[in-house]
Structures are given as structure tokens and as C-alpha cells.
């Protein structure tokens, strides 16, 4: 059950990060300079209300998965390690860039946000693939016992 919940939440987060990477962040470059700071403040507030709880739940589930998964422990640890890198990137890279963008419109900061967010996008995708592999293995094993 923990694996299924972790996989599901990671699938949600992977979908969100791909939307942000391909659609949302590039559109920052289309917002007028006069409106941008107000937009960025509201974006940061609303995104935080959605993303922060999801990330916290995903982290908690991932830690539980590591402690509960015996057959695929190495994969569970790998998936958690990717999540730790995602968190590090978020708080060392994206959050400070958003704070700078709240203070001033700067195309270089937006471009840096887009560029550095690829790490999170790729790592969430790889994490989803690992968890999907784990879930597939469990399902195949269960099917063999039917």
C-alpha cells in the first residue's frame, strides 16, 4: 500500500513538474514587466499551498517505503536519494530564484529558473520510473501467486 501511494503521489508531482517546466516557467517570459512582481508573489503563494504539502507527504511516504520495503530496498533507497536531490535543488535553487523574482523582474533569473528546473524534472521522472518498476515487480509477483 505504501508503494502504491508513493508511486501515485510521485506520478502527480512528475506531472506537475513537467507542466511547470514546459508550460508555466517559459510563460514567465511573456508576462509584462509591470505585472510580473505581483504575479510572481501570487504564483509563489498559491504554488506553495499546493506543492509544499504534496512534497512533505511524498517525503514521508518515501521514508516509510525505505523502512518497509525489503525485497526492493536498494530501489527504494535510490528513489529516496533522488527525492533528497530534488528537495536540495528546490531549496538551494528554485526557492531563492523565486525570492529574487519577487523583488525584481529579471529575464536572466527566469531563464536560470527554467534551466535549473530541468534537474528536478529529470529526477522526478527517473524516480517515477523506479517506483513504477518496483510496483510492476510487486504486481507480477502477486499475479504469479494467483
N, C-alpha and C. Protein backbone atom coordinates (compact mmCIF):
# COMPACT_ATOMS: atom_id res chain seq x y z
N UNK A 1 0.82 -1.19 0.00
CA UNK A 1 0.00 0.00 0.00
C UNK A 1 0.87 1.27 0.00
N UNK A 2 1.96 1.24 0.77
CA UNK A 2 2.86 2.40 0.82
C UNK A 2 3.48 2.64 -0.55
N UNK A 3 3.86 1.55 -1.21
CA UNK A 3 4.45 1.68 -2.55
C UNK A 3 3.46 2.29 -3.52
N UNK A 4 2.22 1.83 -3.50
CA UNK A 4 1.20 2.36 -4.41
C UNK A 4 0.94 3.84 -4.14
N UNK A 5 0.85 4.22 -2.88
CA UNK A 5 0.63 5.63 -2.53
C UNK A 5 1.83 6.50 -2.96
N UNK A 6 3.03 5.98 -2.72
CA UNK A 6 4.24 6.72 -3.09
C UNK A 6 4.30 6.90 -4.61
N UNK A 7 4.04 5.82 -5.33
CA UNK A 7 4.03 5.88 -6.79
C UNK A 7 3.00 6.89 -7.28
N UNK A 8 1.80 6.85 -6.72
CA UNK A 8 0.72 7.74 -7.15
C UNK A 8 1.09 9.20 -6.90
N UNK A 9 1.59 9.50 -5.73
CA UNK A 9 1.96 10.89 -5.42
C UNK A 9 3.13 11.35 -6.28
N UNK A 10 4.08 10.46 -6.52
CA UNK A 10 5.20 10.82 -7.39
C UNK A 10 4.73 11.03 -8.82
N UNK A 11 3.74 10.27 -9.26
CA UNK A 11 3.17 10.49 -10.60
C UNK A 11 2.52 11.86 -10.69
N UNK A 12 1.83 12.26 -9.63
CA UNK A 12 1.22 13.60 -9.59
C UNK A 12 2.31 14.67 -9.65
N UNK A 13 3.34 14.51 -8.83
CA UNK A 13 4.42 15.50 -8.79
C UNK A 13 5.18 15.55 -10.12
N UNK A 14 5.35 14.40 -10.76
CA UNK A 14 6.03 14.36 -12.05
C UNK A 14 5.20 15.09 -13.09
N UNK A 15 3.91 14.89 -13.07
CA UNK A 15 3.03 15.62 -13.99
C UNK A 15 3.09 17.12 -13.77
N UNK A 16 3.07 17.51 -12.51
CA UNK A 16 3.14 18.94 -12.18
C UNK A 16 4.46 19.54 -12.65
N UNK A 17 5.58 18.85 -12.39
CA UNK A 17 6.88 19.43 -12.73
C UNK A 17 7.04 19.54 -14.24
N UNK A 18 6.52 18.56 -14.99
CA UNK A 18 6.59 18.66 -16.45
C UNK A 18 5.74 19.82 -16.97
N UNK A 19 4.57 20.02 -16.38
CA UNK A 19 3.72 21.17 -16.76
C UNK A 19 4.45 22.48 -16.46
N UNK A 20 5.04 22.55 -15.28
CA UNK A 20 5.78 23.76 -14.89
C UNK A 20 6.95 23.99 -15.85
N UNK A 21 7.69 22.94 -16.16
CA UNK A 21 8.90 23.07 -16.99
C UNK A 21 8.58 23.45 -18.43
N UNK A 22 7.58 22.83 -19.01
CA UNK A 22 7.28 23.03 -20.43
C UNK A 22 6.36 24.21 -20.67
N UNK A 23 5.45 24.45 -19.75
CA UNK A 23 4.43 25.48 -19.98
C UNK A 23 4.58 26.69 -19.06
N UNK A 24 4.57 26.44 -17.79
CA UNK A 24 4.43 27.52 -16.80
C UNK A 24 5.64 28.44 -16.72
N UNK A 25 6.82 27.90 -16.47
CA UNK A 25 8.00 28.75 -16.34
C UNK A 25 8.33 29.50 -17.64
N UNK A 26 8.27 28.86 -18.80
CA UNK A 26 8.54 29.63 -20.03
C UNK A 26 7.56 30.80 -20.23
N UNK A 27 6.33 30.64 -19.76
CA UNK A 27 5.37 31.74 -19.89
C UNK A 27 5.70 32.93 -18.99
N UNK A 28 6.55 32.73 -18.00
CA UNK A 28 7.02 33.85 -17.18
C UNK A 28 7.65 34.92 -18.07
N UNK A 29 8.28 34.49 -19.15
CA UNK A 29 8.95 35.43 -20.06
C UNK A 29 7.94 36.26 -20.86
N UNK A 30 6.68 35.87 -20.86
CA UNK A 30 5.63 36.58 -21.61
C UNK A 30 4.85 37.58 -20.75
N UNK A 31 5.08 37.52 -19.45
CA UNK A 31 4.36 38.43 -18.55
C UNK A 31 5.03 39.79 -18.60
N UNK A 32 4.24 40.82 -18.71
CA UNK A 32 4.78 42.17 -18.76
C UNK A 32 5.54 42.52 -17.49
N UNK A 33 6.57 43.33 -17.67
CA UNK A 33 7.43 43.72 -16.55
C UNK A 33 6.63 44.38 -15.43
N UNK A 34 5.66 45.21 -15.78
CA UNK A 34 4.88 45.93 -14.78
C UNK A 34 4.02 45.00 -13.92
N UNK A 35 3.54 43.91 -14.52
CA UNK A 35 2.66 42.98 -13.81
C UNK A 35 3.42 41.84 -13.14
N UNK A 36 4.67 41.66 -13.50
CA UNK A 36 5.38 40.44 -13.13
C UNK A 36 5.51 40.25 -11.62
N UNK A 37 5.95 41.25 -10.90
CA UNK A 37 6.20 41.08 -9.46
C UNK A 37 4.92 40.70 -8.72
N UNK A 38 3.83 41.35 -9.05
CA UNK A 38 2.55 40.99 -8.44
C UNK A 38 2.16 39.56 -8.79
N UNK A 39 2.35 39.19 -10.05
CA UNK A 39 2.06 37.84 -10.49
C UNK A 39 2.94 36.82 -9.75
N UNK A 40 4.22 37.10 -9.66
CA UNK A 40 5.17 36.17 -9.03
C UNK A 40 4.85 35.99 -7.55
N UNK A 41 4.48 37.06 -6.86
CA UNK A 41 4.10 36.93 -5.45
C UNK A 41 2.92 35.98 -5.28
N UNK A 42 1.91 36.17 -6.12
CA UNK A 42 0.72 35.33 -6.04
C UNK A 42 1.02 33.90 -6.48
N UNK A 43 1.82 33.78 -7.53
CA UNK A 43 2.23 32.45 -8.00
C UNK A 43 2.94 31.68 -6.88
N UNK A 44 3.89 32.32 -6.24
CA UNK A 44 4.67 31.69 -5.18
C UNK A 44 3.77 31.28 -4.01
N UNK A 45 2.87 32.16 -3.64
CA UNK A 45 1.95 31.85 -2.53
C UNK A 45 1.07 30.66 -2.87
N UNK A 46 0.43 30.71 -4.03
CA UNK A 46 -0.50 29.64 -4.40
C UNK A 46 0.22 28.32 -4.69
N UNK A 47 1.34 28.39 -5.35
CA UNK A 47 2.11 27.17 -5.63
C UNK A 47 2.57 26.52 -4.32
N UNK A 48 2.97 27.35 -3.37
CA UNK A 48 3.39 26.83 -2.07
C UNK A 48 2.27 26.11 -1.34
N UNK A 49 1.05 26.64 -1.46
CA UNK A 49 -0.10 26.00 -0.81
C UNK A 49 -0.38 24.61 -1.40
N UNK A 50 -0.12 24.45 -2.67
CA UNK A 50 -0.35 23.17 -3.33
C UNK A 50 0.85 22.24 -3.22
N UNK A 51 2.02 22.77 -3.57
CA UNK A 51 3.21 21.94 -3.72
C UNK A 51 3.81 21.51 -2.38
N UNK A 52 3.89 22.41 -1.42
CA UNK A 52 4.55 22.08 -0.14
C UNK A 52 3.92 20.87 0.55
N UNK A 53 2.60 20.82 0.72
CA UNK A 53 2.03 19.63 1.36
C UNK A 53 2.28 18.34 0.56
N UNK A 54 2.19 18.43 -0.76
CA UNK A 54 2.44 17.25 -1.59
C UNK A 54 3.88 16.76 -1.43
N UNK A 55 4.82 17.69 -1.42
CA UNK A 55 6.22 17.31 -1.25
C UNK A 55 6.48 16.69 0.12
N UNK A 56 5.86 17.24 1.15
CA UNK A 56 6.03 16.70 2.51
C UNK A 56 5.45 15.28 2.62
N UNK A 57 4.28 15.08 2.04
CA UNK A 57 3.67 13.75 2.07
C UNK A 57 4.51 12.77 1.25
N UNK A 58 5.00 13.21 0.10
CA UNK A 58 5.85 12.35 -0.73
C UNK A 58 7.11 11.95 0.03
N UNK A 59 7.71 12.89 0.74
CA UNK A 59 8.91 12.59 1.53
C UNK A 59 8.60 11.58 2.63
N UNK A 60 7.52 11.81 3.36
CA UNK A 60 7.15 10.89 4.44
C UNK A 60 6.89 9.48 3.90
N UNK A 61 6.16 9.39 2.80
CA UNK A 61 5.89 8.09 2.21
C UNK A 61 7.17 7.42 1.74
N UNK A 62 8.09 8.20 1.19
CA UNK A 62 9.35 7.65 0.69
C UNK A 62 10.21 7.10 1.81
N UNK A 63 10.21 7.78 2.94
CA UNK A 63 10.96 7.29 4.10
C UNK A 63 10.31 6.01 4.62
N UNK A 64 8.98 6.01 4.71
CA UNK A 64 8.28 4.79 5.13
C UNK A 64 8.57 3.63 4.19
N UNK A 65 8.61 3.93 2.90
CA UNK A 65 8.88 2.89 1.90
C UNK A 65 10.25 2.26 2.13
N UNK A 66 11.24 3.09 2.40
CA UNK A 66 12.60 2.57 2.66
C UNK A 66 12.59 1.61 3.85
N UNK A 67 11.85 1.96 4.90
CA UNK A 67 11.84 1.13 6.10
C UNK A 67 10.94 -0.10 5.96
N UNK A 68 10.01 -0.07 5.00
CA UNK A 68 9.07 -1.19 4.85
C UNK A 68 9.38 -2.10 3.67
N UNK A 69 10.20 -1.66 2.77
CA UNK A 69 10.49 -2.43 1.56
C UNK A 69 11.73 -3.28 1.79
N UNK A 70 11.55 -4.58 1.77
CA UNK A 70 12.70 -5.46 1.99
C UNK A 70 13.22 -6.06 0.69
N UNK A 71 12.32 -6.48 -0.18
CA UNK A 71 12.76 -7.14 -1.42
C UNK A 71 13.40 -6.16 -2.41
N UNK A 72 12.95 -4.94 -2.40
CA UNK A 72 13.45 -3.95 -3.35
C UNK A 72 14.04 -2.74 -2.62
N UNK A 73 14.71 -3.04 -1.53
CA UNK A 73 15.24 -1.98 -0.65
C UNK A 73 16.17 -1.02 -1.39
N UNK A 74 17.07 -1.55 -2.22
CA UNK A 74 18.02 -0.71 -2.92
C UNK A 74 17.31 0.28 -3.84
N UNK A 75 16.26 -0.17 -4.51
CA UNK A 75 15.48 0.73 -5.37
C UNK A 75 14.75 1.79 -4.54
N UNK A 76 14.21 1.38 -3.39
CA UNK A 76 13.53 2.34 -2.52
C UNK A 76 14.50 3.41 -2.02
N UNK A 77 15.70 2.99 -1.67
CA UNK A 77 16.73 3.95 -1.22
C UNK A 77 17.13 4.87 -2.38
N UNK A 78 17.26 4.31 -3.57
CA UNK A 78 17.60 5.13 -4.74
C UNK A 78 16.53 6.17 -5.01
N UNK A 79 15.27 5.76 -4.92
CA UNK A 79 14.16 6.70 -5.13
C UNK A 79 14.17 7.80 -4.08
N UNK A 80 14.47 7.44 -2.84
CA UNK A 80 14.56 8.45 -1.77
C UNK A 80 15.74 9.39 -2.01
N UNK A 81 16.85 8.84 -2.46
CA UNK A 81 18.03 9.68 -2.74
C UNK A 81 17.70 10.71 -3.83
N UNK A 82 16.97 10.29 -4.85
CA UNK A 82 16.56 11.24 -5.89
C UNK A 82 15.67 12.33 -5.31
N UNK A 83 14.78 11.94 -4.41
CA UNK A 83 13.89 12.94 -3.78
C UNK A 83 14.69 13.93 -2.94
N UNK A 84 15.72 13.46 -2.27
CA UNK A 84 16.57 14.35 -1.48
C UNK A 84 17.27 15.36 -2.40
N UNK A 85 17.74 14.90 -3.55
CA UNK A 85 18.35 15.83 -4.52
C UNK A 85 17.32 16.82 -5.03
N UNK A 86 16.10 16.36 -5.27
CA UNK A 86 15.03 17.26 -5.71
C UNK A 86 14.77 18.33 -4.66
N UNK A 87 14.70 17.92 -3.40
CA UNK A 87 14.50 18.88 -2.31
C UNK A 87 15.66 19.87 -2.24
N UNK A 88 16.87 19.36 -2.35
CA UNK A 88 18.05 20.24 -2.30
C UNK A 88 18.00 21.25 -3.44
N UNK A 89 17.66 20.79 -4.63
CA UNK A 89 17.55 21.69 -5.78
C UNK A 89 16.46 22.73 -5.55
N UNK A 90 15.35 22.28 -4.99
CA UNK A 90 14.23 23.19 -4.72
C UNK A 90 14.65 24.31 -3.78
N UNK A 91 15.27 23.93 -2.66
CA UNK A 91 15.57 24.93 -1.63
C UNK A 91 16.89 25.66 -1.84
N UNK A 92 17.77 25.10 -2.64
CA UNK A 92 19.03 25.80 -2.95
C UNK A 92 18.94 26.57 -4.26
N UNK A 93 18.04 26.16 -5.14
CA UNK A 93 17.96 26.78 -6.46
C UNK A 93 16.67 27.51 -6.74
N UNK A 94 15.56 26.76 -6.81
CA UNK A 94 14.31 27.37 -7.25
C UNK A 94 13.74 28.37 -6.24
N UNK A 95 13.74 28.02 -4.97
CA UNK A 95 13.18 28.96 -3.97
C UNK A 95 13.95 30.28 -3.96
N UNK A 96 15.28 30.28 -3.91
CA UNK A 96 15.99 31.57 -3.96
C UNK A 96 15.73 32.36 -5.25
N UNK A 97 15.60 31.66 -6.36
CA UNK A 97 15.30 32.37 -7.62
C UNK A 97 13.92 33.00 -7.57
N UNK A 98 12.96 32.28 -7.02
CA UNK A 98 11.62 32.87 -6.87
C UNK A 98 11.66 34.08 -5.94
N UNK A 99 12.45 34.01 -4.88
CA UNK A 99 12.57 35.15 -3.97
C UNK A 99 13.18 36.36 -4.69
N UNK A 100 14.16 36.12 -5.54
CA UNK A 100 14.75 37.21 -6.32
C UNK A 100 13.73 37.78 -7.29
N UNK A 101 12.91 36.91 -7.87
CA UNK A 101 11.91 37.37 -8.84
C UNK A 101 10.76 38.11 -8.17
N UNK A 102 10.51 37.83 -6.90
CA UNK A 102 9.51 38.60 -6.16
C UNK A 102 10.00 40.03 -5.97
N UNK A 103 11.30 40.20 -5.85
CA UNK A 103 11.90 41.51 -5.62
C UNK A 103 12.07 42.31 -6.91
N UNK A 104 12.37 41.59 -8.03
CA UNK A 104 12.58 42.31 -9.28
C UNK A 104 12.37 41.41 -10.49
N UNK A 105 11.83 41.98 -11.54
CA UNK A 105 11.71 41.27 -12.81
C UNK A 105 13.10 41.20 -13.43
N UNK A 106 13.52 39.98 -13.78
CA UNK A 106 14.84 39.82 -14.36
C UNK A 106 14.80 38.60 -15.27
N UNK A 107 14.94 38.83 -16.58
CA UNK A 107 14.88 37.73 -17.55
C UNK A 107 15.95 36.68 -17.29
N UNK A 108 17.12 37.11 -16.84
CA UNK A 108 18.19 36.15 -16.56
C UNK A 108 17.79 35.20 -15.43
N UNK A 109 17.11 35.72 -14.40
CA UNK A 109 16.65 34.87 -13.31
C UNK A 109 15.59 33.88 -13.80
N UNK A 110 14.70 34.34 -14.67
CA UNK A 110 13.67 33.45 -15.23
C UNK A 110 14.32 32.36 -16.06
N UNK A 111 15.26 32.74 -16.91
CA UNK A 111 15.95 31.75 -17.72
C UNK A 111 16.74 30.76 -16.86
N UNK A 112 17.31 31.25 -15.78
CA UNK A 112 18.03 30.38 -14.85
C UNK A 112 17.05 29.43 -14.16
N UNK A 113 15.89 29.92 -13.81
CA UNK A 113 14.85 29.10 -13.20
C UNK A 113 14.45 27.97 -14.15
N UNK A 114 14.24 28.30 -15.40
CA UNK A 114 13.87 27.29 -16.41
C UNK A 114 15.00 26.27 -16.57
N UNK A 115 16.20 26.76 -16.69
CA UNK A 115 17.36 25.87 -16.92
C UNK A 115 17.60 24.94 -15.72
N UNK A 116 17.62 25.49 -14.52
CA UNK A 116 17.94 24.68 -13.35
C UNK A 116 16.79 23.75 -12.96
N UNK A 117 15.58 24.07 -13.36
CA UNK A 117 14.44 23.22 -13.04
C UNK A 117 14.47 21.89 -13.80
N UNK A 118 15.30 21.81 -14.85
CA UNK A 118 15.42 20.55 -15.58
C UNK A 118 15.91 19.43 -14.66
N UNK A 119 16.76 19.75 -13.69
CA UNK A 119 17.24 18.73 -12.76
C UNK A 119 16.07 18.09 -12.04
N UNK A 120 15.18 18.90 -11.49
CA UNK A 120 14.02 18.36 -10.79
C UNK A 120 13.11 17.59 -11.75
N UNK A 121 12.94 18.10 -12.94
CA UNK A 121 12.08 17.44 -13.92
C UNK A 121 12.61 16.05 -14.26
N UNK A 122 13.90 15.97 -14.55
CA UNK A 122 14.50 14.68 -14.90
C UNK A 122 14.51 13.74 -13.69
N UNK A 123 14.87 14.24 -12.52
CA UNK A 123 14.96 13.37 -11.36
C UNK A 123 13.59 12.87 -10.91
N UNK A 124 12.54 13.71 -10.99
CA UNK A 124 11.21 13.23 -10.65
C UNK A 124 10.77 12.16 -11.66
N UNK A 125 11.14 12.34 -12.91
CA UNK A 125 10.80 11.35 -13.94
C UNK A 125 11.51 10.03 -13.68
N UNK A 126 12.79 10.08 -13.38
CA UNK A 126 13.55 8.86 -13.08
C UNK A 126 12.99 8.19 -11.84
N UNK A 127 12.66 8.99 -10.85
CA UNK A 127 12.07 8.47 -9.61
C UNK A 127 10.76 7.74 -9.91
N UNK A 128 9.94 8.33 -10.76
CA UNK A 128 8.67 7.68 -11.14
C UNK A 128 8.94 6.35 -11.84
N UNK A 129 9.93 6.32 -12.71
CA UNK A 129 10.28 5.08 -13.40
C UNK A 129 10.74 4.00 -12.42
N UNK A 130 11.54 4.39 -11.44
CA UNK A 130 12.00 3.43 -10.42
C UNK A 130 10.81 2.88 -9.64
N UNK A 131 9.96 3.79 -9.17
CA UNK A 131 8.79 3.35 -8.39
C UNK A 131 7.84 2.52 -9.24
N UNK A 132 7.70 2.88 -10.52
CA UNK A 132 6.87 2.09 -11.43
C UNK A 132 7.43 0.69 -11.62
N UNK A 133 8.74 0.60 -11.71
CA UNK A 133 9.40 -0.70 -11.82
C UNK A 133 9.16 -1.53 -10.56
N UNK A 134 9.26 -0.90 -9.42
CA UNK A 134 9.01 -1.60 -8.16
C UNK A 134 7.57 -2.09 -8.09
N UNK A 135 6.64 -1.23 -8.46
CA UNK A 135 5.22 -1.59 -8.42
C UNK A 135 4.93 -2.71 -9.41
N UNK A 136 5.51 -2.62 -10.60
CA UNK A 136 5.34 -3.67 -11.60
C UNK A 136 5.84 -5.01 -11.09
N UNK A 137 6.97 -5.00 -10.42
CA UNK A 137 7.54 -6.22 -9.86
C UNK A 137 6.61 -6.84 -8.82
N UNK A 138 6.06 -6.00 -7.96
CA UNK A 138 5.13 -6.48 -6.93
C UNK A 138 3.88 -7.07 -7.59
N UNK A 139 3.39 -6.39 -8.61
CA UNK A 139 2.18 -6.87 -9.29
C UNK A 139 2.44 -8.19 -10.01
N UNK A 140 3.59 -8.33 -10.65
CA UNK A 140 3.94 -9.59 -11.31
C UNK A 140 4.06 -10.72 -10.30
N UNK A 141 4.68 -10.44 -9.19
CA UNK A 141 4.83 -11.44 -8.13
C UNK A 141 3.48 -11.86 -7.59
N UNK A 142 2.59 -10.91 -7.38
CA UNK A 142 1.25 -11.22 -6.88
C UNK A 142 0.46 -12.04 -7.92
N UNK A 143 0.63 -11.70 -9.19
CA UNK A 143 -0.08 -12.43 -10.25
C UNK A 143 0.38 -13.88 -10.34
N UNK A 144 1.64 -14.13 -10.07
CA UNK A 144 2.18 -15.49 -10.10
C UNK A 144 1.58 -16.36 -9.01
N UNK A 145 1.16 -15.72 -7.93
CA UNK A 145 0.61 -16.46 -6.80
C UNK A 145 -0.91 -16.64 -6.87
N UNK A 146 -1.49 -16.21 -7.96
CA UNK A 146 -2.95 -16.37 -8.11
C UNK A 146 -3.32 -17.75 -8.58
